Amino acid sequence: IPEYAFYRCAMLKEVVFAEDSSVASFGKCAFAECINLENFTVPDGVESLGDGCFAEDLKLAAVNLPDTLNEVGYSAFDNTVIYAESIENGDPFVLVGDWIVASNPDVIETLTEIKTDTLPGAVVGIAAYVFNGFSVLASVEFPAQLKYVGYGSFANCPLLKKLIAPNVVTIGDYAFAKCSILSNVQLSDRITGESKLKTIGSYAFYQCSMLDNSIYYGSSIVPDTVVSIGTYAFYQTKLWDNPDDQGFIYAGNWIVGFAGGNTTVTIDESRADDEKTVGISDYAFYQANSLQTINGL
């Protein structure tokens, strides 16, 4: 369902999807300002809700979300009954199903840490921008059920230093960007070393200037489970200050950038067996104008 598809349908009260619906996503403001829409069931198979998807649906009091959902955009449920009641009740978070879709700044403006018991135990996802710019937040440890960290959800937190997220599956674009003192990032279980992380989005740790390639509790900053790293996910971190002799910039065993200068390079030429390159991120060699030959791909 594309952007603004049902925007400002003032008399719309009900939407019924076919049992075999193949809808995969709702675009930006797809049902925004449908002021008479009271209940909504998002069908199975939908993976994402765009920014402002149900915003300003003034009577919207109940929404059912499917287990297939893995992304909720910014302000998706702002100024609905769900949102207003949570704020009026003084709840720290606005919950829709098992997703945190907004925070109440009046309640948690002094929040210094998020522990496993700070967030609701069943929560599986955090929508875009929920904790963006929290000025005193210093430590984050996610509960075991939390899988999805949305776009920019913890960006611009100047005191955030520690992140523990062993069960997260997806870290969205810009999720922790500009957290300038973030230095302790643990994306694997500290005891077993296991991780569920699959995707690190573009600019996820951009300008985390204190972040390096350190190993905590025997686990790399990028777990072996990762299958995709987006554009400049670690740009302007300490990793970019320490290319190897050939100019490769590594995050864990992934090449995430290239410092340039060399005309011929060989991947894994001097790396140990347990440090062999497992992946190359998006745009890793973008504008590597000096490069003429790559060996070892």
C-alpha atoms as a PDB file:
ATOM      1  CA  ILE A   1       0.000   0.000   0.000  1.00  0.00           C
ATOM      2  CA  PRO A   2       1.884   3.097  -1.191  1.00  0.00           C
ATOM      3  CA  GLU A   3       2.443   6.453   0.460  1.00  0.00           C
ATOM      4  CA  TYR A   4      -0.675   8.500   1.263  1.00  0.00           C
ATOM      5  CA  ALA A   5      -2.906   5.835  -0.323  1.00  0.00           C
ATOM      6  CA  PHE A   6      -5.842   6.440   2.049  1.00  0.00           C
ATOM      7  CA  TYR A   7      -4.715   9.763   3.490  1.00  0.00           C
ATOM      8  CA  ARG A   8      -7.556  11.906   4.872  1.00  0.00           C
ATOM      9  CA  CYS A   9     -10.324   9.433   4.065  1.00  0.00           C
ATOM     10  CA  ALA A  10     -12.500  11.114   6.670  1.00  0.00           C
ATOM     11  CA  MET A  11     -15.400   8.641   6.561  1.00  0.00           C
ATOM     12  CA  LEU A  12     -13.298   5.466   6.515  1.00  0.00           C
ATOM     13  CA  LYS A  13     -14.252   3.292   9.503  1.00  0.00           C
ATOM     14  CA  GLU A  14     -13.149  -0.208   8.607  1.00  0.00           C
ATOM     15  CA  VAL A  15     -10.555  -1.973   6.457  1.00  0.00           C
ATOM     16  CA  VAL A  16     -10.866  -5.717   5.855  1.00  0.00           C
ATOM     17  CA  PHE A  17      -8.076  -7.617   4.151  1.00  0.00           C
ATOM     18  CA  ALA A  18      -8.478 -10.851   2.250  1.00  0.00           C
ATOM     19  CA  GLU A  19      -7.448 -13.991   4.116  1.00  0.00           C
ATOM     20  CA  ASP A  20      -4.739 -14.583   1.520  1.00  0.00           C
ATOM     21  CA  SER A  21      -3.629 -10.938   1.429  1.00  0.00           C
ATOM     22  CA  SER A  22      -0.184 -10.439  -0.080  1.00  0.00           C
ATOM     23  CA  VAL A  23       0.297  -6.889   1.223  1.00  0.00           C
ATOM     24  CA  ALA A  24       3.911  -6.550   2.405  1.00  0.00           C
ATOM     25  CA  SER A  25       4.158  -2.936   3.562  1.00  0.00           C
ATOM     26  CA  PHE A  26       2.224   0.232   4.352  1.00  0.00           C
ATOM     27  CA  GLY A  27       3.830   3.388   3.006  1.00  0.00           C
ATOM     28  CA  LYS A  28       4.288   6.773   4.622  1.00  0.00           C
ATOM     29  CA  CYS A  29       0.988   8.214   5.915  1.00  0.00           C
ATOM     30  CA  ALA A  30      -0.920   5.399   4.188  1.00  0.00           C
ATOM     31  CA  PHE A  31      -3.867   5.730   6.595  1.00  0.00           C
ATOM     32  CA  ALA A  32      -3.022   9.052   8.230  1.00  0.00           C
ATOM     33  CA  GLU A  33      -5.801  11.461   9.241  1.00  0.00           C
ATOM     34  CA  CYS A  34      -8.541   8.880   8.807  1.00  0.00           C
ATOM     35  CA  ILE A  35     -10.367  10.522  11.674  1.00  0.00           C
ATOM     36  CA  ASN A  36     -13.156   7.922  11.998  1.00  0.00           C
ATOM     37  CA  LEU A  37     -10.978   4.821  11.903  1.00  0.00           C
ATOM     38  CA  GLU A  38     -11.313   3.139  15.316  1.00  0.00           C
ATOM     39  CA  ASN A  39      -9.802  -0.350  14.958  1.00  0.00           C
ATOM     40  CA  PHE A  40      -7.319  -1.880  12.581  1.00  0.00           C
ATOM     41  CA  THR A  41      -5.828  -5.321  12.017  1.00  0.00           C
ATOM     42  CA  VAL A  42      -2.597  -5.309  10.017  1.00  0.00           C
ATOM     43  CA  PRO A  43      -2.591  -8.581   8.044  1.00  0.00           C
ATOM     44  CA  ASP A  44       0.001 -11.323   8.339  1.00  0.00           C
ATOM     45  CA  GLY A  45       2.854 -10.831   5.917  1.00  0.00           C
ATOM     46  CA  VAL A  46       3.219  -7.084   6.408  1.00  0.00           C
ATOM     47  CA  GLU A  47       6.829  -6.307   7.322  1.00  0.00           C
ATOM     48  CA  SER A  48       6.901  -2.516   7.610  1.00  0.00           C
ATOM     49  CA  LEU A  49       4.747   0.472   8.525  1.00  0.00           C
ATOM     50  CA  GLY A  50       5.932   3.786   7.116  1.00  0.00           C
ATOM     51  CA  ASP A  51       6.394   7.123   8.868  1.00  0.00           C
ATOM     52  CA  GLY A  52       3.122   8.588  10.094  1.00  0.00           C
ATOM     53  CA  CYS A  53       1.228   5.550   8.869  1.00  0.00           C
ATOM     54  CA  PHE A  54      -1.726   6.042  11.252  1.00  0.00           C
ATOM     55  CA  ALA A  55      -0.888   9.497  12.575  1.00  0.00           C
ATOM     56  CA  GLU A  56      -3.785  11.799  13.470  1.00  0.00           C
ATOM     57  CA  ASP A  57      -6.320   8.953  13.396  1.00  0.00           C
ATOM     58  CA  LEU A  58      -8.071  10.590  16.311  1.00  0.00           C
ATOM     59  CA  LYS A  59     -10.375   7.664  17.183  1.00  0.00           C
ATOM     60  CA  LEU A  60      -7.914   4.830  16.639  1.00  0.00           C
ATOM     61  CA  ALA A  61      -7.966   2.873  19.900  1.00  0.00           C
ATOM     62  CA  ALA A  62      -6.888  -0.659  18.967  1.00  0.00           C
ATOM     63  CA  VAL A  63      -4.423  -2.051  16.443  1.00  0.00           C
ATOM     64  CA  ASN A  64      -3.376  -5.663  15.947  1.00  0.00           C
ATOM     65  CA  LEU A  65       0.113  -6.161  14.551  1.00  0.00           C
ATOM     66  CA  PRO A  66       1.395  -9.349  12.870  1.00  0.00           C
ATOM     67  CA  ASP A  67       4.453 -11.343  13.897  1.00  0.00           C
ATOM     68  CA  THR A  68       5.932 -10.626  10.455  1.00  0.00           C
ATOM     69  CA  LEU A  69       6.413  -6.937  11.259  1.00  0.00           C
ATOM     70  CA  ASN A  70      10.066  -5.867  11.524  1.00  0.00           C
ATOM     71  CA  GLU A  71       9.972  -2.091  10.977  1.00  0.00           C
ATOM     72  CA  VAL A  72       7.788   0.743  12.267  1.00  0.00           C
ATOM     73  CA  GLY A  73       8.401   4.279  11.062  1.00  0.00           C
ATOM     74  CA  TYR A  74       8.578   7.610  12.843  1.00  0.00           C
ATOM     75  CA  SER A  75       5.378   8.956  14.444  1.00  0.00           C
ATOM     76  CA  ALA A  76       3.394   6.054  13.023  1.00  0.00           C
ATOM     77  CA  PHE A  77       0.716   6.310  15.723  1.00  0.00           C
ATOM     78  CA  ASP A  78       1.012   9.909  16.923  1.00  0.00           C
ATOM     79  CA  ASN A  79      -2.212  11.590  18.023  1.00  0.00           C
ATOM     80  CA  THR A  80      -4.283   8.439  18.115  1.00  0.00           C
ATOM     81  CA  VAL A  81      -6.320   7.304  21.119  1.00  0.00           C
ATOM     82  CA  ILE A  82      -3.558   4.776  21.840  1.00  0.00           C
ATOM     83  CA  TYR A  83      -0.964   7.547  21.951  1.00  0.00           C
ATOM     84  CA  ALA A  84      -3.067  10.042  23.915  1.00  0.00           C
ATOM     85  CA  GLU A  85      -4.059   7.551  26.613  1.00  0.00           C
ATOM     86  CA  SER A  86      -0.468   6.459  27.186  1.00  0.00           C
ATOM     87  CA  ILE A  87       0.708  10.049  27.564  1.00  0.00           C
ATOM     88  CA  GLU A  88      -2.208  10.986  29.832  1.00  0.00           C
ATOM     89  CA  ASN A  89      -1.589   7.932  32.017  1.00  0.00           C
ATOM     90  CA  GLY A  90       2.032   8.946  32.452  1.00  0.00           C
ATOM     91  CA  ASP A  91       3.314   5.769  30.808  1.00  0.00           C
ATOM     92  CA  PRO A  92       6.994   5.984  29.876  1.00  0.00           C
ATOM     93  CA  PHE A  93       6.378   4.316  26.514  1.00  0.00           C
ATOM     94  CA  VAL A  94       3.593   4.146  23.971  1.00  0.00           C
ATOM     95  CA  LEU A  95       2.995   0.504  23.101  1.00  0.00           C
ATOM     96  CA  VAL A  96       1.144  -0.869  20.116  1.00  0.00           C
ATOM     97  CA  GLY A  97       1.095  -4.629  20.361  1.00  0.00           C
ATOM     98  CA  ASP A  98       4.633  -5.642  21.229  1.00  0.00           C
ATOM     99  CA  TRP A  99       6.255  -2.558  19.681  1.00  0.00           C
ATOM    100  CA  ILE A 100       7.411   0.624  21.411  1.00  0.00           C
ATOM    101  CA  VAL A 101       6.267   3.290  18.968  1.00  0.00           C
ATOM    102  CA  ALA A 102       6.967   6.442  21.008  1.00  0.00           C
ATOM    103  CA  SER A 103       8.307   7.610  24.351  1.00  0.00           C
ATOM    104  CA  ASN A 104       6.917  10.073  26.861  1.00  0.00           C
ATOM    105  CA  PRO A 105       9.610  12.744  27.327  1.00  0.00           C
ATOM    106  CA  ASP A 106       7.868  14.176  30.386  1.00  0.00           C
ATOM    107  CA  VAL A 107       8.342  10.861  32.188  1.00  0.00           C
ATOM    108  CA  ILE A 108      11.712   9.630  30.995  1.00  0.00           C
ATOM    109  CA  GLU A 109      13.639  12.814  30.288  1.00  0.00           C
ATOM    110  CA  THR A 110      15.933  11.812  33.175  1.00  0.00           C
ATOM    111  CA  LEU A 111      16.382   8.232  31.949  1.00  0.00           C
ATOM    112  CA  THR A 112      20.058   7.339  32.396  1.00  0.00           C
ATOM    113  CA  GLU A 113      19.951   3.636  31.585  1.00  0.00           C
ATOM    114  CA  ILE A 114      17.799   0.994  29.967  1.00  0.00           C
ATOM    115  CA  LYS A 115      18.012  -2.424  31.599  1.00  0.00           C
ATOM    116  CA  THR A 116      16.331  -5.679  30.668  1.00  0.00           C
ATOM    117  CA  ASP A 117      13.528  -4.838  33.088  1.00  0.00           C
ATOM    118  CA  THR A 118      13.155  -1.194  32.006  1.00  0.00           C
ATOM    119  CA  LEU A 119      11.344  -2.089  28.798  1.00  0.00           C
ATOM    120  CA  PRO A 120       8.202  -4.228  28.727  1.00  0.00           C
ATOM    121  CA  GLY A 121       9.249  -7.880  28.746  1.00  0.00           C
ATOM    122  CA  ALA A 122       7.375  -8.895  25.608  1.00  0.00           C
ATOM    123  CA  VAL A 123       8.553  -6.015  23.431  1.00  0.00           C
ATOM    124  CA  VAL A 124      10.067  -7.155  20.119  1.00  0.00           C
ATOM    125  CA  GLY A 125      10.742  -3.867  18.382  1.00  0.00           C
ATOM    126  CA  ILE A 126      11.515  -0.178  18.782  1.00  0.00           C
ATOM    127  CA  ALA A 127      10.146   2.182  16.162  1.00  0.00           C
ATOM    128  CA  ALA A 128      12.131   4.916  14.441  1.00  0.00           C
ATOM    129  CA  TYR A 129      13.460   7.819  16.546  1.00  0.00           C
ATOM    130  CA  VAL A 130      11.905   6.649  19.849  1.00  0.00           C
ATOM    131  CA  PHE A 131      14.968   7.488  21.976  1.00  0.00           C
ATOM    132  CA  ASN A 132      16.660   9.858  19.561  1.00  0.00           C
ATOM    133  CA  GLY A 133      18.448  12.703  21.314  1.00  0.00           C
ATOM    134  CA  PHE A 134      17.992  11.488  24.898  1.00  0.00           C
ATOM    135  CA  SER A 135      20.560  13.673  26.574  1.00  0.00           C
ATOM    136  CA  VAL A 136      21.348  11.640  29.713  1.00  0.00           C
ATOM    137  CA  LEU A 137      20.962   8.058  28.503  1.00  0.00           C
ATOM    138  CA  ALA A 138      24.274   6.297  29.220  1.00  0.00           C
ATOM    139  CA  SER A 139      23.656   2.547  29.024  1.00  0.00           C
ATOM    140  CA  VAL A 140      21.340   0.239  27.063  1.00  0.00           C
ATOM    141  CA  GLU A 141      20.755  -3.471  27.669  1.00  0.00           C
ATOM    142  CA  PHE A 142      17.919  -5.003  25.697  1.00  0.00           C
ATOM    143  CA  PRO A 143      15.605  -7.763  26.956  1.00  0.00           C
ATOM    144  CA  ALA A 144      15.939 -11.142  25.291  1.00  0.00           C
ATOM    145  CA  GLN A 145      12.790 -10.795  23.178  1.00  0.00           C
ATOM    146  CA  LEU A 146      13.785  -7.525  21.502  1.00  0.00           C
ATOM    147  CA  LYS A 147      14.711  -8.148  17.870  1.00  0.00           C
ATOM    148  CA  TYR A 148      14.372  -4.916  15.902  1.00  0.00           C
ATOM    149  CA  VAL A 149      16.001  -1.538  16.524  1.00  0.00           C
ATOM    150  CA  GLY A 150      14.512   1.092  14.240  1.00  0.00           C
ATOM    151  CA  TYR A 151      15.841   3.940  12.130  1.00  0.00           C
ATOM    152  CA  GLY A 152      17.657   6.523  14.256  1.00  0.00           C
ATOM    153  CA  SER A 153      16.047   5.129  17.399  1.00  0.00           C
ATOM    154  CA  PHE A 154      19.061   5.870  19.635  1.00  0.00           C
ATOM    155  CA  ALA A 155      20.904   8.408  17.511  1.00  0.00           C
ATOM    156  CA  ASN A 156      22.277  11.623  18.977  1.00  0.00           C
ATOM    157  CA  CYS A 157      22.527  10.334  22.561  1.00  0.00           C
ATOM    158  CA  PRO A 158      25.694  12.160  23.669  1.00  0.00           C
ATOM    159  CA  LEU A 159      26.253  10.197  26.902  1.00  0.00           C
ATOM    160  CA  LEU A 160      25.468   6.725  25.604  1.00  0.00           C
ATOM    161  CA  LYS A 161      28.557   4.632  26.264  1.00  0.00           C
ATOM    162  CA  LYS A 162      27.421   1.001  26.539  1.00  0.00           C
ATOM    163  CA  LEU A 163      25.191  -1.197  24.363  1.00  0.00           C
ATOM    164  CA  ILE A 164      24.331  -4.826  25.131  1.00  0.00           C
ATOM    165  CA  ALA A 165      22.089  -6.399  22.491  1.00  0.00           C
ATOM    166  CA  PRO A 166      22.809 -10.132  22.059  1.00  0.00           C
ATOM    167  CA  ASN A 167      19.413 -11.099  20.620  1.00  0.00           C
ATOM    168  CA  VAL A 168      18.777  -8.222  18.235  1.00  0.00           C
ATOM    169  CA  VAL A 169      18.233  -9.352  14.636  1.00  0.00           C
ATOM    170  CA  THR A 170      18.217  -5.986  12.846  1.00  0.00           C
ATOM    171  CA  ILE A 171      19.928  -2.705  13.690  1.00  0.00           C
ATOM    172  CA  GLY A 172      18.315  -0.075  11.491  1.00  0.00           C
ATOM    173  CA  ASP A 173      19.860   2.768   9.527  1.00  0.00           C
ATOM    174  CA  TYR A 174      21.354   5.511  11.739  1.00  0.00           C
ATOM    175  CA  ALA A 175      20.208   3.560  14.839  1.00  0.00           C
ATOM    176  CA  PHE A 176      23.136   4.719  17.012  1.00  0.00           C
ATOM    177  CA  ALA A 177      24.586   7.439  14.798  1.00  0.00           C
ATOM    178  CA  LYS A 178      26.373  10.340  16.490  1.00  0.00           C
ATOM    179  CA  CYS A 179      26.542   8.653  19.901  1.00  0.00           C
ATOM    180  CA  SER A 180      29.952  10.220  20.289  1.00  0.00           C
ATOM    181  CA  ILE A 181      31.216   8.299  23.331  1.00  0.00           C
ATOM    182  CA  LEU A 182      29.718   4.887  22.560  1.00  0.00           C
ATOM    183  CA  SER A 183      32.641   2.513  23.022  1.00  0.00           C
ATOM    184  CA  ASN A 184      31.394  -0.736  24.567  1.00  0.00           C
ATOM    185  CA  VAL A 185      29.217  -2.561  22.021  1.00  0.00           C
ATOM    186  CA  GLN A 186      28.321  -6.179  22.751  1.00  0.00           C
ATOM    187  CA  LEU A 187      26.207  -7.823  20.058  1.00  0.00           C
ATOM    188  CA  SER A 188      26.813 -11.400  21.209  1.00  0.00           C
ATOM    189  CA  ASP A 189      25.933 -13.198  24.434  1.00  0.00           C
ATOM    190  CA  ARG A 190      28.731 -12.571  26.911  1.00  0.00           C
ATOM    191  CA  ILE A 191      28.662 -16.184  28.164  1.00  0.00           C
ATOM    192  CA  THR A 192      27.873 -18.339  25.134  1.00  0.00           C
ATOM    193  CA  GLY A 193      29.155 -16.000  22.436  1.00  0.00           C
ATOM    194  CA  GLU A 194      25.959 -16.615  20.470  1.00  0.00           C
ATOM    195  CA  SER A 195      24.232 -13.882  18.487  1.00  0.00           C
ATOM    196  CA  LYS A 196      21.121 -13.497  16.338  1.00  0.00           C
ATOM    197  CA  LEU A 197      22.170 -10.349  14.513  1.00  0.00           C
ATOM    198  CA  LYS A 198      21.660 -10.474  10.742  1.00  0.00           C
ATOM    199  CA  THR A 199      21.644  -6.884   9.493  1.00  0.00           C
ATOM    200  CA  ILE A 200      23.486  -3.688  10.421  1.00  0.00           C
ATOM    201  CA  GLY A 201      21.953  -0.755   8.586  1.00  0.00           C
ATOM    202  CA  SER A 202      23.574   2.117   6.757  1.00  0.00           C
ATOM    203  CA  TYR A 203      25.272   4.673   9.031  1.00  0.00           C
ATOM    204  CA  ALA A 204      24.179   2.585  12.047  1.00  0.00           C
ATOM    205  CA  PHE A 205      27.223   3.682  14.092  1.00  0.00           C
ATOM    206  CA  TYR A 206      28.171   6.756  12.068  1.00  0.00           C
ATOM    207  CA  GLN A 207      30.245   9.286  14.027  1.00  0.00           C
ATOM    208  CA  CYS A 208      30.495   7.066  17.104  1.00  0.00           C
ATOM    209  CA  SER A 209      33.980   8.481  17.363  1.00  0.00           C
ATOM    210  CA  MET A 210      35.096   6.381  20.361  1.00  0.00           C
ATOM    211  CA  LEU A 211      34.050   3.034  18.876  1.00  0.00           C
ATOM    212  CA  ASP A 212      36.859   0.684  17.862  1.00  0.00           C
ATOM    213  CA  ASN A 213      37.243  -2.945  16.817  1.00  0.00           C
ATOM    214  CA  SER A 214      37.673  -4.267  20.350  1.00  0.00           C
ATOM    215  CA  ILE A 215      36.581  -7.761  21.320  1.00  0.00           C
ATOM    216  CA  TYR A 216      34.412  -8.024  24.435  1.00  0.00           C
ATOM    217  CA  TYR A 217      34.031 -11.357  26.211  1.00  0.00           C
ATOM    218  CA  GLY A 218      35.707 -13.087  23.268  1.00  0.00           C
ATOM    219  CA  SER A 219      33.160 -11.797  20.737  1.00  0.00           C
ATOM    220  CA  SER A 220      33.844  -9.592  17.739  1.00  0.00           C
ATOM    221  CA  ILE A 221      32.031  -6.289  17.273  1.00  0.00           C
ATOM    222  CA  VAL A 222      30.418  -7.918  14.206  1.00  0.00           C
ATOM    223  CA  PRO A 223      29.143 -11.430  15.024  1.00  0.00           C
ATOM    224  CA  ASP A 224      29.511 -14.307  12.572  1.00  0.00           C
ATOM    225  CA  THR A 225      25.742 -14.339  12.078  1.00  0.00           C
ATOM    226  CA  VAL A 226      25.727 -10.996  10.233  1.00  0.00           C
ATOM    227  CA  VAL A 227      24.879 -11.253   6.526  1.00  0.00           C
ATOM    228  CA  SER A 228      24.574  -7.572   5.583  1.00  0.00           C
ATOM    229  CA  ILE A 229      26.241  -4.291   6.566  1.00  0.00           C
ATOM    230  CA  GLY A 230      24.947  -1.094   5.026  1.00  0.00           C
ATOM    231  CA  THR A 231      26.710   1.944   3.632  1.00  0.00           C
ATOM    232  CA  TYR A 232      29.264   3.583   5.953  1.00  0.00           C
ATOM    233  CA  ALA A 233      27.843   1.779   8.986  1.00  0.00           C
ATOM    234  CA  PHE A 234      31.070   2.474  10.919  1.00  0.00           C
ATOM    235  CA  TYR A 235      32.172   5.668   9.187  1.00  0.00           C
ATOM    236  CA  GLN A 236      34.024   8.197  11.371  1.00  0.00           C
ATOM    237  CA  THR A 237      34.619   5.740  14.198  1.00  0.00           C
ATOM    238  CA  LYS A 238      38.065   4.664  15.438  1.00  0.00           C
ATOM    239  CA  LEU A 239      37.910   1.819  12.929  1.00  0.00           C
ATOM    240  CA  TRP A 240      38.398   4.336  10.144  1.00  0.00           C
ATOM    241  CA  ASP A 241      41.532   5.632  11.822  1.00  0.00           C
ATOM    242  CA  ASN A 242      43.182   2.208  11.710  1.00  0.00           C
ATOM    243  CA  PRO A 243      43.280   0.707   8.221  1.00  0.00           C
ATOM    244  CA  ASP A 244      45.581  -2.277   7.762  1.00  0.00           C
ATOM    245  CA  ASP A 245      48.710  -2.180   5.607  1.00  0.00           C
ATOM    246  CA  GLN A 246      46.716  -2.534   2.417  1.00  0.00           C
ATOM    247  CA  GLY A 247      44.199   0.130   3.313  1.00  0.00           C
ATOM    248  CA  PHE A 248      41.330  -2.169   4.305  1.00  0.00           C
ATOM    249  CA  ILE A 249      39.123  -0.926   7.142  1.00  0.00           C
ATOM    250  CA  TYR A 250      37.690  -3.806   9.143  1.00  0.00           C
ATOM    251  CA  ALA A 251      34.732  -4.143  11.486  1.00  0.00           C
ATOM    252  CA  GLY A 252      35.157  -7.617  12.879  1.00  0.00           C
ATOM    253  CA  ASN A 253      35.936  -9.715   9.819  1.00  0.00           C
ATOM    254  CA  TRP A 254      34.046  -7.458   7.427  1.00  0.00           C
ATOM    255  CA  ILE A 255      35.666  -4.934   5.124  1.00  0.00           C
ATOM    256  CA  VAL A 256      33.643  -1.763   5.652  1.00  0.00           C
ATOM    257  CA  GLY A 257      35.880   0.788   3.966  1.00  0.00           C
ATOM    258  CA  PHE A 258      39.099   1.412   2.085  1.00  0.00           C
ATOM    259  CA  ALA A 259      41.635   4.086   2.945  1.00  0.00           C
ATOM    260  CA  GLY A 260      42.940   4.296  -0.594  1.00  0.00           C
ATOM    261  CA  GLY A 261      46.420   4.858  -1.979  1.00  0.00           C
ATOM    262  CA  ASN A 262      47.301   1.302  -3.016  1.00  0.00           C
ATOM    263  CA  THR A 263      46.876   0.263  -6.622  1.00  0.00           C
ATOM    264  CA  THR A 264      46.961  -3.500  -5.976  1.00  0.00           C
ATOM    265  CA  VAL A 265      45.517  -5.240  -2.929  1.00  0.00           C
ATOM    266  CA  THR A 266      45.051  -8.850  -1.861  1.00  0.00           C
ATOM    267  CA  ILE A 267      42.285  -9.751   0.523  1.00  0.00           C
ATOM    268  CA  ASP A 268      43.408 -11.839   3.526  1.00  0.00           C
ATOM    269  CA  GLU A 269      47.052 -11.706   2.473  1.00  0.00           C
ATOM    270  CA  SER A 270      48.319 -11.401   6.039  1.00  0.00           C
ATOM    271  CA  ARG A 271      45.281 -12.309   8.166  1.00  0.00           C
ATOM    272  CA  ALA A 272      45.145 -15.370  10.411  1.00  0.00           C
ATOM    273  CA  ASP A 273      42.775 -18.242   9.594  1.00  0.00           C
ATOM    274  CA  ASP A 274      40.284 -17.132  12.249  1.00  0.00           C
ATOM    275  CA  GLU A 275      40.378 -13.579  10.879  1.00  0.00           C
ATOM    276  CA  LYS A 276      39.553 -14.347   7.254  1.00  0.00           C
ATOM    277  CA  THR A 277      37.267 -11.836   5.578  1.00  0.00           C
ATOM    278  CA  VAL A 278      33.642 -12.976   5.588  1.00  0.00           C
ATOM    279  CA  GLY A 279      31.978  -9.995   3.932  1.00  0.00           C
ATOM    280  CA  ILE A 280      32.261  -6.610   2.250  1.00  0.00           C
ATOM    281  CA  SER A 281      29.819  -3.890   3.225  1.00  0.00           C
ATOM    282  CA  ASP A 282      27.862  -1.664   0.866  1.00  0.00           C
ATOM    283  CA  TYR A 283      30.006   1.080  -0.673  1.00  0.00           C
ATOM    284  CA  ALA A 284      33.173  -0.289   0.971  1.00  0.00           C
ATOM    285  CA  PHE A 285      35.320   0.645  -2.053  1.00  0.00           C
ATOM    286  CA  TYR A 286      33.315   3.644  -3.189  1.00  0.00           C
ATOM    287  CA  GLN A 287      35.513   6.117  -5.124  1.00  0.00           C
ATOM    288  CA  ALA A 288      38.683   4.096  -4.546  1.00  0.00           C
ATOM    289  CA  ASN A 289      40.193   5.896  -7.520  1.00  0.00           C
ATOM    290  CA  SER A 290      43.719   4.552  -7.092  1.00  0.00           C
ATOM    291  CA  LEU A 291      42.690   0.894  -7.044  1.00  0.00           C
ATOM    292  CA  GLN A 292      43.572  -1.108 -10.142  1.00  0.00           C
ATOM    293  CA  THR A 293      43.718  -4.757  -9.045  1.00  0.00           C
ATOM    294  CA  ILE A 294      41.963  -6.745  -6.284  1.00  0.00           C
ATOM    295  CA  ASN A 295      43.144 -10.271  -5.580  1.00  0.00           C
ATOM    296  CA  GLY A 296      41.545 -12.884  -3.383  1.00  0.00           C
ATOM    297  CA  LEU A 297      37.857 -12.185  -3.846  1.00  0.00           C
END
